[in-house]
Amino acid sequence: MTVLAKNVMDSAMSCLVFAIATRENFWESSLVLDANKETMYSDLLYHWAFCATCVTICSGSMAERTHIIGYLTHAALMAGLIFPPVAEAVWGSGGLLRPFFVNAV
């Protein structure tokens, strides 16, 4: 039951924090913004799914070992501070790591 609650709460937390972190005023991300700086909600949902997956991968190792506040703090930090710059570097237009991953084939 605790693991189920943590998974539901980390999805909600990562959704909220990722949406706030990728807004044009906070983190100007080419992942979810078009050329006119408008939010593309389909891309926001797409990249949030990857973000939520990254957050939930840690849930298995943290299950029943941390308190819910510590776990939600980890989910917020992962979704707001760690995932957006790494995803921008790999998938964003002009990202630092883009040539290594996009043109690898």
N, C-alpha and C. Protein backbone atom coordinates (compact mmCIF):
# COMPACT_ATOMS: atom_id res chain seq x y z
N MET A 1 0.81 -1.19 0.00
CA MET A 1 0.00 0.00 0.00
C MET A 1 0.86 1.27 0.00
N THR A 2 1.95 1.25 0.74
CA THR A 2 2.82 2.42 0.79
C THR A 2 3.48 2.67 -0.56
N VAL A 3 3.89 1.61 -1.24
CA VAL A 3 4.53 1.75 -2.54
C VAL A 3 3.53 2.32 -3.55
N LEU A 4 2.30 1.88 -3.51
CA LEU A 4 1.27 2.42 -4.39
C LEU A 4 1.06 3.90 -4.14
N ALA A 5 0.99 4.28 -2.88
CA ALA A 5 0.80 5.70 -2.53
C ALA A 5 1.99 6.53 -3.01
N LYS A 6 3.20 6.02 -2.85
CA LYS A 6 4.39 6.75 -3.30
C LYS A 6 4.40 6.89 -4.82
N ASN A 7 4.01 5.87 -5.53
CA ASN A 7 3.99 5.95 -7.00
C ASN A 7 2.96 6.96 -7.49
N VAL A 8 1.81 6.99 -6.88
CA VAL A 8 0.78 7.96 -7.28
C VAL A 8 1.24 9.37 -6.94
N MET A 9 1.80 9.54 -5.75
CA MET A 9 2.24 10.87 -5.35
C MET A 9 3.45 11.35 -6.13
N ASP A 10 4.35 10.44 -6.51
CA ASP A 10 5.50 10.92 -7.30
C ASP A 10 5.10 11.28 -8.71
N SER A 11 4.07 10.63 -9.25
CA SER A 11 3.56 11.05 -10.56
C SER A 11 2.94 12.43 -10.49
N ALA A 12 2.16 12.67 -9.45
CA ALA A 12 1.55 13.99 -9.29
C ALA A 12 2.60 15.06 -9.04
N MET A 13 3.57 14.77 -8.18
CA MET A 13 4.61 15.74 -7.86
C MET A 13 5.47 16.03 -9.08
N SER A 14 5.87 14.99 -9.81
CA SER A 14 6.72 15.23 -10.99
C SER A 14 5.96 15.98 -12.07
N CYS A 15 4.66 15.73 -12.20
CA CYS A 15 3.85 16.47 -13.18
C CYS A 15 3.81 17.95 -12.86
N LEU A 16 3.52 18.27 -11.62
CA LEU A 16 3.44 19.68 -11.22
C LEU A 16 4.78 20.38 -11.32
N VAL A 17 5.82 19.77 -10.79
CA VAL A 17 7.14 20.41 -10.78
C VAL A 17 7.70 20.52 -12.19
N PHE A 18 7.54 19.50 -13.02
CA PHE A 18 8.04 19.55 -14.39
C PHE A 18 7.31 20.62 -15.20
N ALA A 19 5.99 20.74 -15.00
CA ALA A 19 5.23 21.78 -15.70
C ALA A 19 5.68 23.17 -15.28
N ILE A 20 5.93 23.36 -13.99
CA ILE A 20 6.41 24.66 -13.51
C ILE A 20 7.83 24.93 -14.00
N ALA A 21 8.67 23.92 -13.97
CA ALA A 21 10.08 24.10 -14.34
C ALA A 21 10.27 24.39 -15.82
N THR A 22 9.39 23.91 -16.67
CA THR A 22 9.56 24.12 -18.10
C THR A 22 8.74 25.28 -18.65
N ARG A 23 8.14 26.06 -17.79
CA ARG A 23 7.43 27.26 -18.26
C ARG A 23 8.44 28.26 -18.80
N GLU A 24 8.02 29.10 -19.69
CA GLU A 24 8.94 30.02 -20.36
C GLU A 24 9.57 31.03 -19.41
N ASN A 25 8.96 31.34 -18.30
CA ASN A 25 9.54 32.31 -17.38
C ASN A 25 10.55 31.69 -16.42
N PHE A 26 10.43 30.42 -16.14
CA PHE A 26 11.32 29.78 -15.17
C PHE A 26 12.50 29.09 -15.85
N TRP A 27 12.21 28.22 -16.80
CA TRP A 27 13.25 27.47 -17.50
C TRP A 27 12.88 27.52 -18.97
N GLU A 28 13.61 28.27 -19.76
CA GLU A 28 13.27 28.43 -21.17
C GLU A 28 13.74 27.18 -21.92
N SER A 29 12.86 26.25 -22.08
CA SER A 29 13.19 24.94 -22.62
C SER A 29 12.67 24.79 -24.04
N SER A 30 13.56 24.44 -24.95
CA SER A 30 13.11 24.17 -26.32
C SER A 30 12.41 22.83 -26.43
N LEU A 31 12.37 22.07 -25.34
CA LEU A 31 11.67 20.79 -25.36
C LEU A 31 10.16 20.98 -25.49
N VAL A 32 9.64 22.00 -24.83
CA VAL A 32 8.19 22.18 -24.79
C VAL A 32 7.72 23.50 -25.39
N LEU A 33 8.63 24.35 -25.84
CA LEU A 33 8.25 25.64 -26.42
C LEU A 33 8.50 25.63 -27.92
N ASP A 34 7.59 26.25 -28.67
CA ASP A 34 7.80 26.36 -30.11
C ASP A 34 8.59 27.63 -30.42
N ALA A 35 8.68 27.98 -31.69
CA ALA A 35 9.48 29.15 -32.10
C ALA A 35 8.90 30.46 -31.56
N ASN A 36 7.60 30.50 -31.30
CA ASN A 36 6.96 31.70 -30.76
C ASN A 36 6.93 31.72 -29.23
N LYS A 37 7.66 30.81 -28.60
CA LYS A 37 7.70 30.68 -27.13
C LYS A 37 6.34 30.30 -26.54
N GLU A 38 5.55 29.59 -27.30
CA GLU A 38 4.27 29.08 -26.82
C GLU A 38 4.47 27.63 -26.37
N THR A 39 3.79 27.25 -25.31
CA THR A 39 3.91 25.90 -24.79
C THR A 39 3.18 24.92 -25.70
N MET A 40 3.87 23.88 -26.13
CA MET A 40 3.26 22.80 -26.90
C MET A 40 2.90 21.70 -25.89
N TYR A 41 1.62 21.58 -25.60
CA TYR A 41 1.18 20.69 -24.53
C TYR A 41 1.40 19.22 -24.85
N SER A 42 1.40 18.85 -26.12
CA SER A 42 1.68 17.47 -26.48
C SER A 42 3.13 17.12 -26.15
N ASP A 43 4.05 18.05 -26.41
CA ASP A 43 5.45 17.81 -26.06
C ASP A 43 5.66 17.85 -24.55
N LEU A 44 4.90 18.69 -23.86
CA LEU A 44 4.99 18.74 -22.41
C LEU A 44 4.59 17.39 -21.82
N LEU A 45 3.51 16.81 -22.31
CA LEU A 45 3.07 15.50 -21.84
C LEU A 45 4.09 14.42 -22.20
N TYR A 46 4.62 14.49 -23.41
CA TYR A 46 5.59 13.50 -23.88
C TYR A 46 6.85 13.50 -22.99
N HIS A 47 7.41 14.68 -22.74
CA HIS A 47 8.63 14.75 -21.94
C HIS A 47 8.36 14.54 -20.46
N TRP A 48 7.16 14.87 -20.00
CA TRP A 48 6.81 14.57 -18.62
C TRP A 48 6.76 13.06 -18.41
N ALA A 49 6.32 12.30 -19.40
CA ALA A 49 6.29 10.85 -19.26
C ALA A 49 7.70 10.30 -19.05
N PHE A 50 8.68 10.83 -19.77
CA PHE A 50 10.06 10.42 -19.55
C PHE A 50 10.55 10.85 -18.17
N CYS A 51 10.18 12.05 -17.77
CA CYS A 51 10.57 12.58 -16.46
C CYS A 51 9.98 11.71 -15.35
N ALA A 52 8.71 11.38 -15.46
CA ALA A 52 8.06 10.54 -14.45
C ALA A 52 8.68 9.15 -14.41
N THR A 53 9.08 8.63 -15.56
CA THR A 53 9.75 7.34 -15.59
C THR A 53 11.08 7.40 -14.86
N CYS A 54 11.84 8.47 -15.08
CA CYS A 54 13.12 8.63 -14.38
C CYS A 54 12.92 8.73 -12.87
N VAL A 55 11.87 9.41 -12.46
CA VAL A 55 11.59 9.54 -11.03
C VAL A 55 11.16 8.21 -10.44
N THR A 56 10.32 7.47 -11.14
CA THR A 56 9.82 6.21 -10.58
C THR A 56 10.85 5.09 -10.60
N ILE A 57 11.89 5.21 -11.40
CA ILE A 57 12.95 4.20 -11.37
C ILE A 57 13.58 4.14 -9.98
N CYS A 58 13.72 5.31 -9.37
CA CYS A 58 14.29 5.37 -8.02
C CYS A 58 13.34 4.87 -6.96
N SER A 59 12.06 4.78 -7.26
CA SER A 59 11.10 4.38 -6.23
C SER A 59 11.33 2.95 -5.76
N GLY A 60 11.83 2.09 -6.61
CA GLY A 60 12.10 0.72 -6.20
C GLY A 60 13.21 0.63 -5.18
N SER A 61 14.23 1.44 -5.33
CA SER A 61 15.33 1.40 -4.37
C SER A 61 15.02 2.17 -3.10
N MET A 62 14.07 3.08 -3.17
CA MET A 62 13.73 3.88 -2.00
C MET A 62 12.47 3.38 -1.28
N ALA A 63 11.81 2.40 -1.85
CA ALA A 63 10.55 1.91 -1.27
C ALA A 63 10.79 1.37 0.13
N GLU A 64 9.98 1.82 1.05
CA GLU A 64 9.98 1.41 2.45
C GLU A 64 11.30 1.71 3.16
N ARG A 65 12.14 2.54 2.58
CA ARG A 65 13.40 2.92 3.22
C ARG A 65 13.43 4.40 3.59
N THR A 66 12.57 5.19 2.98
CA THR A 66 12.54 6.62 3.26
C THR A 66 11.13 7.04 3.67
N HIS A 67 11.05 8.16 4.34
CA HIS A 67 9.76 8.73 4.69
C HIS A 67 9.18 9.40 3.44
N ILE A 68 7.90 9.61 3.46
CA ILE A 68 7.21 10.16 2.30
C ILE A 68 7.69 11.57 1.97
N ILE A 69 8.02 12.37 2.98
CA ILE A 69 8.49 13.73 2.73
C ILE A 69 9.84 13.71 2.02
N GLY A 70 10.74 12.84 2.45
CA GLY A 70 12.04 12.71 1.79
C GLY A 70 11.90 12.22 0.36
N TYR A 71 10.98 11.28 0.16
CA TYR A 71 10.78 10.75 -1.18
C TYR A 71 10.18 11.80 -2.11
N LEU A 72 9.21 12.57 -1.63
CA LEU A 72 8.62 13.61 -2.46
C LEU A 72 9.60 14.75 -2.73
N THR A 73 10.47 15.01 -1.78
CA THR A 73 11.54 15.99 -2.01
C THR A 73 12.46 15.52 -3.12
N HIS A 74 12.80 14.25 -3.11
CA HIS A 74 13.62 13.67 -4.18
C HIS A 74 12.89 13.77 -5.52
N ALA A 75 11.61 13.47 -5.54
CA ALA A 75 10.83 13.53 -6.79
C ALA A 75 10.80 14.96 -7.32
N ALA A 76 10.62 15.94 -6.43
CA ALA A 76 10.58 17.34 -6.87
C ALA A 76 11.93 17.80 -7.40
N LEU A 77 13.01 17.43 -6.73
CA LEU A 77 14.34 17.81 -7.20
C LEU A 77 14.67 17.16 -8.54
N MET A 78 14.31 15.90 -8.66
CA MET A 78 14.58 15.18 -9.91
C MET A 78 13.79 15.78 -11.07
N ALA A 79 12.52 16.10 -10.84
CA ALA A 79 11.67 16.62 -11.91
C ALA A 79 11.93 18.08 -12.22
N GLY A 80 12.43 18.85 -11.26
CA GLY A 80 12.60 20.27 -11.47
C GLY A 80 14.01 20.72 -11.75
N LEU A 81 15.00 20.04 -11.16
CA LEU A 81 16.38 20.51 -11.29
C LEU A 81 17.31 19.57 -12.06
N ILE A 82 17.04 18.29 -12.03
CA ILE A 82 17.96 17.33 -12.65
C ILE A 82 17.51 16.96 -14.06
N PHE A 83 16.26 16.55 -14.23
CA PHE A 83 15.82 16.08 -15.54
C PHE A 83 15.77 17.16 -16.62
N PRO A 84 15.21 18.36 -16.37
CA PRO A 84 15.09 19.35 -17.46
C PRO A 84 16.42 19.74 -18.11
N PRO A 85 17.50 20.05 -17.37
CA PRO A 85 18.73 20.41 -18.08
C PRO A 85 19.37 19.25 -18.82
N VAL A 86 19.27 18.05 -18.27
CA VAL A 86 19.83 16.88 -18.96
C VAL A 86 19.03 16.59 -20.23
N ALA A 87 17.71 16.64 -20.15
CA ALA A 87 16.88 16.41 -21.33
C ALA A 87 17.09 17.50 -22.38
N GLU A 88 17.26 18.73 -21.92
CA GLU A 88 17.54 19.84 -22.85
C GLU A 88 18.87 19.63 -23.56
N ALA A 89 19.87 19.13 -22.84
CA ALA A 89 21.18 18.89 -23.44
C ALA A 89 21.14 17.77 -24.47
N VAL A 90 20.26 16.80 -24.27
CA VAL A 90 20.20 15.66 -25.19
C VAL A 90 19.21 15.90 -26.32
N TRP A 91 17.99 16.35 -26.01
CA TRP A 91 16.93 16.44 -27.01
C TRP A 91 16.59 17.86 -27.44
N GLY A 92 17.06 18.86 -26.74
CA GLY A 92 16.71 20.24 -27.06
C GLY A 92 17.43 20.73 -28.31
N SER A 93 16.86 21.73 -28.95
CA SER A 93 17.52 22.30 -30.13
C SER A 93 18.76 23.06 -29.68
N GLY A 94 19.89 22.71 -30.23
CA GLY A 94 21.14 23.34 -29.83
C GLY A 94 21.70 22.80 -28.54
N GLY A 95 21.24 21.64 -28.10
CA GLY A 95 21.72 21.04 -26.86
C GLY A 95 23.16 20.59 -26.99
N LEU A 96 23.87 20.60 -25.88
CA LEU A 96 25.28 20.25 -25.86
C LEU A 96 25.54 18.81 -26.30
N LEU A 97 24.71 17.89 -25.89
CA LEU A 97 24.91 16.47 -26.21
C LEU A 97 24.12 16.00 -27.43
N ARG A 98 23.37 16.88 -28.05
CA ARG A 98 22.51 16.50 -29.18
C ARG A 98 23.26 15.82 -30.32
N PRO A 99 24.44 16.32 -30.75
CA PRO A 99 25.13 15.65 -31.87
C PRO A 99 25.50 14.20 -31.57
N PHE A 100 25.73 13.88 -30.31
CA PHE A 100 26.13 12.51 -29.96
C PHE A 100 24.97 11.53 -29.99
N PHE A 101 23.74 12.01 -29.73
CA PHE A 101 22.61 11.11 -29.64
C PHE A 101 21.71 11.15 -30.87
N VAL A 102 21.53 12.29 -31.49
CA VAL A 102 20.61 12.41 -32.62
C VAL A 102 21.24 11.89 -33.89
N ASN A 103 22.49 12.17 -34.12
CA ASN A 103 23.17 11.75 -35.35
C ASN A 103 23.99 10.48 -35.16
N ALA A 104 23.67 9.69 -34.17
CA ALA A 104 24.46 8.49 -33.87
C ALA A 104 24.26 7.38 -34.88
N VAL A 105 23.14 7.38 -35.61
CA VAL A 105 22.83 6.28 -36.51
C VAL A 105 23.48 6.42 -37.83
